[in-house]
Amino acid sequence: MTALTVEKLSVRYGAVEALRGLSLEVRSGEIVGLIGPNGAGKSSTLHAIMGGAPVAGGDIRLDGASLLGRRSEDVARRGIALVPEGRRIFGELTVEENLRLGLAARRSRGNGSSLAGAYDTFPVLHEFRGRQAGLLSGGQQQQLAIGRALVADPDVLLLDEPSLGLAPKLVDIVFEALTRIRDAGLAVLLVEQRAQRTVALADRSYVLANGELRLTLGPKDAADTDRLVAAYLA
């Protein structure tokens, strides 16, 4: 089942056209990668989906219903959660207090039991639930940011550079968690600079360059380094 559809999307910031006619879809129970060089339009795609970028053309649909013109909080309550680049957790609050903030975006009434999924996905969050979030390591903070998004019970999870600044072992933890999230039935749209790792993980990956879709890759393409480098540099 297709959860998220982006159709001929264009985004313009003044005279700068960040996206030109981008089309993609994400189905329930799959991870879709969005890769490409800096400035390709990856983050603009996520911001447009969340209602935070100026859409100049095209459409964005969740379960067939258009999201154009909706405010970010309305998009969130309809079932899309964004984990932004840089995590943006509240360092002075505890881990559990940060997670409870995700309850505000739930479409149904939530309670303490709603935190169980986040704790199951990232056991370290349960271990440190009473600790100030600002005292966590970078990898633990990234797990907290993803866990907070999961507490909102989304149908679609958007992630912007979740491995940024993480040690390889912590990248493994995050990517393994994304596999479990996909297996639970969520639709995941993953923006990442780790191109080869993303292509290997995702059901398919879209390569953007200069605001346009240049190529679609499958997991088997991760082993073709020459093609991957050529596609990434577009």
Protein backbone atom coordinates (compact mmCIF):
# COMPACT_ATOMS: atom_id res chain seq x y z
CA MET A 1 0.00 0.00 0.00
CA THR A 2 1.37 3.39 -1.00
CA ALA A 3 1.51 5.63 2.06
CA LEU A 4 3.27 8.72 0.70
CA THR A 5 3.23 10.04 -2.85
CA VAL A 6 5.22 12.99 -4.16
CA GLU A 7 4.17 13.95 -7.67
CA LYS A 8 6.00 16.43 -9.92
CA LEU A 9 7.04 18.46 -6.89
CA SER A 10 8.75 21.80 -7.38
CA VAL A 11 10.11 23.97 -4.56
CA ARG A 12 11.31 27.52 -5.07
CA TYR A 13 13.08 29.88 -2.65
CA GLY A 14 12.84 33.22 -4.39
CA ALA A 15 14.77 32.88 -7.64
CA VAL A 16 16.30 29.56 -6.60
CA GLU A 17 14.49 26.40 -7.70
CA ALA A 18 15.49 23.76 -5.15
CA LEU A 19 13.35 20.98 -6.67
CA ARG A 20 12.09 20.51 -10.20
CA GLY A 21 9.35 18.00 -10.94
CA LEU A 22 10.32 15.37 -8.37
CA SER A 23 8.14 12.26 -8.21
CA LEU A 24 8.57 9.41 -5.74
CA GLU A 25 6.52 7.10 -3.56
CA VAL A 26 6.99 5.28 -0.29
CA ARG A 27 4.90 2.22 0.55
CA SER A 28 4.05 0.89 3.98
CA GLY A 29 6.71 -1.52 5.20
CA GLU A 30 9.58 -0.24 3.09
CA ILE A 31 12.55 2.10 3.34
CA VAL A 32 13.17 4.50 0.48
CA GLY A 33 16.52 6.27 0.33
CA LEU A 34 17.08 9.80 -0.95
CA ILE A 35 20.73 10.44 -1.75
CA GLY A 36 22.83 12.94 -3.64
CA PRO A 37 25.40 15.70 -3.12
CA ASN A 38 24.87 18.71 -0.88
CA GLY A 39 22.36 21.10 -2.38
CA ALA A 40 20.65 18.38 -4.42
CA GLY A 41 17.26 19.06 -2.81
CA LYS A 42 17.04 16.20 -0.33
CA SER A 43 16.21 18.22 2.78
CA SER A 44 13.93 20.49 0.75
CA THR A 45 11.91 17.40 -0.12
CA LEU A 46 11.40 16.55 3.55
CA HIS A 47 10.55 20.14 4.47
CA ALA A 48 8.03 20.35 1.64
CA ILE A 49 6.34 17.16 2.82
CA MET A 50 6.05 18.63 6.32
CA GLY A 51 4.62 21.90 5.03
CA GLY A 52 7.74 23.91 5.76
CA ALA A 53 8.98 24.73 2.24
CA PRO A 54 7.42 26.88 -0.51
CA VAL A 55 5.85 24.46 -3.00
CA ALA A 56 5.74 25.97 -6.50
CA GLY A 57 4.06 23.03 -8.22
CA GLY A 58 3.04 19.39 -7.96
CA ASP A 59 1.36 17.52 -5.14
CA ILE A 60 2.13 15.60 -1.94
CA ARG A 61 -0.37 12.96 -0.82
CA LEU A 62 -0.69 10.86 2.32
CA ASP A 63 -2.91 7.83 1.80
CA GLY A 64 -4.30 9.59 -1.26
CA ALA A 65 -5.20 12.89 0.47
CA SER A 66 -3.30 16.03 -0.54
CA LEU A 67 -1.17 17.74 2.10
CA LEU A 68 -0.62 20.96 0.18
CA GLY A 69 -1.35 24.07 2.18
CA ARG A 70 -1.40 22.27 5.52
CA ARG A 71 0.62 23.45 8.50
CA SER A 72 3.41 21.26 9.85
CA GLU A 73 1.53 20.36 13.04
CA ASP A 74 -1.47 19.25 10.96
CA VAL A 75 0.77 17.11 8.75
CA ALA A 76 2.24 15.53 11.89
CA ARG A 77 -1.19 14.73 13.33
CA ARG A 78 -2.20 13.14 10.05
CA GLY A 79 0.58 10.59 10.45
CA ILE A 80 3.99 11.89 9.30
CA ALA A 81 6.89 12.30 11.73
CA LEU A 82 10.17 14.05 10.92
CA VAL A 83 13.47 13.40 12.66
CA PRO A 84 15.40 16.54 11.67
CA GLU A 85 19.09 16.89 11.04
CA GLY A 86 20.85 17.76 14.29
CA ARG A 87 18.35 15.82 16.48
CA ARG A 88 16.89 18.91 18.22
CA ILE A 89 16.21 17.25 21.52
CA PHE A 90 15.63 19.23 24.72
CA GLY A 91 18.84 18.81 26.66
CA GLU A 92 17.50 20.10 29.97
CA LEU A 93 14.65 17.57 29.99
CA THR A 94 15.01 13.90 30.87
CA VAL A 95 14.92 11.17 28.25
CA GLU A 96 11.37 10.22 29.23
CA GLU A 97 10.21 13.83 29.22
CA ASN A 98 11.57 14.20 25.68
CA LEU A 99 9.74 11.05 24.61
CA ARG A 100 6.48 12.28 26.12
CA LEU A 101 6.66 15.33 23.87
CA GLY A 102 5.97 12.95 21.00
CA LEU A 103 2.56 12.22 22.49
CA ALA A 104 1.37 15.68 21.43
CA ALA A 105 1.41 14.60 17.78
CA ARG A 106 -0.49 11.35 18.32
CA ARG A 107 -3.71 10.99 16.39
CA SER A 108 -5.31 9.04 19.23
CA ARG A 109 -5.15 9.57 22.96
CA GLY A 110 -1.79 8.47 24.24
CA ASN A 111 -0.50 7.52 27.70
CA GLY A 112 2.62 6.17 29.31
CA SER A 113 2.28 2.81 27.57
CA SER A 114 2.88 4.61 24.26
CA LEU A 115 6.55 4.86 25.22
CA ALA A 116 6.98 1.09 25.15
CA GLY A 117 7.67 0.94 21.42
CA ALA A 118 10.48 3.48 21.69
CA TYR A 119 12.00 1.61 24.63
CA ASP A 120 11.74 -1.70 22.76
CA THR A 121 13.43 -0.25 19.69
CA PHE A 122 16.18 1.50 21.69
CA PRO A 123 16.70 -0.24 25.07
CA VAL A 124 19.31 2.35 26.09
CA LEU A 125 16.51 4.92 26.33
CA HIS A 126 14.77 2.86 29.00
CA GLU A 127 18.04 2.42 30.86
CA PHE A 128 18.62 6.20 30.88
CA ARG A 129 14.98 7.33 31.00
CA GLY A 130 15.58 9.51 34.06
CA ARG A 131 18.81 11.06 32.78
CA GLN A 132 19.03 14.58 31.39
CA ALA A 133 19.04 14.25 27.60
CA GLY A 134 21.89 16.73 27.23
CA LEU A 135 24.17 14.30 29.07
CA LEU A 136 23.67 11.52 26.52
CA SER A 137 26.23 10.72 23.84
CA GLY A 138 25.55 11.82 20.27
CA GLY A 139 24.43 8.33 19.29
CA GLN A 140 22.11 8.07 22.27
CA GLN A 141 20.63 11.47 21.44
CA GLN A 142 19.96 10.29 17.88
CA GLN A 143 18.18 7.23 19.24
CA LEU A 144 16.14 9.55 21.45
CA ALA A 145 15.19 11.74 18.48
CA ILE A 146 13.99 8.71 16.51
CA GLY A 147 12.26 7.27 19.58
CA ARG A 148 10.38 10.54 20.13
CA ALA A 149 9.12 10.38 16.55
CA LEU A 150 7.96 6.79 17.04
CA VAL A 151 5.96 7.76 20.13
CA ALA A 152 3.78 9.87 17.81
CA ASP A 153 2.64 6.60 16.18
CA PRO A 154 3.26 7.74 12.59
CA ASP A 155 2.47 5.94 9.35
CA VAL A 156 5.41 7.64 7.63
CA LEU A 157 8.80 8.38 9.20
CA LEU A 158 11.09 10.97 7.60
CA LEU A 159 14.75 11.02 8.64
CA ASP A 160 17.26 13.71 7.75
CA GLU A 161 20.87 12.50 8.05
CA PRO A 162 20.40 10.23 11.10
CA SER A 163 24.00 8.95 10.95
CA LEU A 164 25.56 12.42 10.90
CA GLY A 165 28.50 12.63 13.31
CA LEU A 166 28.06 9.09 14.67
CA ALA A 167 30.77 6.49 15.18
CA PRO A 168 30.48 3.38 12.97
CA LYS A 169 29.14 1.19 15.80
CA LEU A 170 26.36 3.69 16.52
CA VAL A 171 25.55 3.94 12.81
CA ASP A 172 25.04 0.17 12.91
CA ILE A 173 22.61 0.52 15.81
CA VAL A 174 20.58 3.19 14.02
CA PHE A 175 20.43 1.31 10.71
CA GLU A 176 19.48 -1.94 12.43
CA ALA A 177 16.68 -0.08 14.20
CA LEU A 178 15.43 1.27 10.86
CA THR A 179 15.17 -2.29 9.59
CA ARG A 180 12.98 -3.22 12.57
CA ILE A 181 10.87 -0.10 12.07
CA ARG A 182 10.30 -1.06 8.44
CA ASP A 183 9.43 -4.61 9.42
CA ALA A 184 6.81 -3.21 11.80
CA GLY A 185 5.01 -1.76 8.78
CA LEU A 186 6.06 1.90 8.72
CA ALA A 187 6.93 3.75 5.55
CA VAL A 188 10.40 5.29 5.92
CA LEU A 189 11.94 8.03 3.75
CA LEU A 190 15.63 8.28 4.57
CA VAL A 191 17.88 11.19 3.56
CA GLU A 192 21.51 10.15 4.01
CA GLN A 193 25.04 11.03 2.93
CA ARG A 194 26.19 7.44 3.43
CA ALA A 195 25.18 6.51 -0.09
CA GLN A 196 26.43 2.93 -0.29
CA ARG A 197 25.03 2.03 3.13
CA THR A 198 21.68 3.60 2.25
CA VAL A 199 21.37 1.83 -1.10
CA ALA A 200 22.14 -1.50 0.58
CA LEU A 201 19.51 -0.92 3.28
CA ALA A 202 16.68 0.63 1.28
CA ASP A 203 14.13 -1.14 -0.88
CA ARG A 204 15.06 1.47 -3.50
CA SER A 205 16.96 4.73 -3.50
CA TYR A 206 16.37 7.88 -5.50
CA VAL A 207 19.43 9.87 -6.59
CA LEU A 208 18.93 13.64 -6.72
CA ALA A 209 21.22 16.20 -8.35
CA ASN A 210 20.52 19.89 -8.87
CA GLY A 211 16.94 19.46 -7.71
CA GLU A 212 16.08 16.69 -10.17
CA LEU A 213 15.69 12.93 -9.99
CA ARG A 214 18.57 11.39 -11.92
CA LEU A 215 18.41 7.68 -11.14
CA THR A 216 16.68 5.00 -9.09
CA LEU A 217 18.86 2.30 -7.50
CA GLY A 218 18.10 -1.05 -5.87
CA PRO A 219 19.96 -2.87 -3.07
CA LYS A 220 22.06 -4.87 -5.54
CA ASP A 221 23.50 -1.62 -6.90
CA ALA A 222 25.28 -1.02 -3.58
CA ALA A 223 28.00 -3.45 -4.66
CA ASP A 224 28.59 -1.60 -7.96
CA THR A 225 30.88 1.09 -6.61
CA ASP A 226 31.63 2.67 -9.99
CA ARG A 227 27.95 3.07 -10.85
CA LEU A 228 27.16 4.34 -7.38
CA VAL A 229 29.89 6.98 -7.50
CA ALA A 230 28.79 8.07 -10.97
CA ALA A 231 25.17 8.26 -9.87
CA TYR A 232 26.01 10.12 -6.67
CA LEU A 233 28.11 12.70 -8.48
CA ALA A 234 25.50 12.86 -11.30
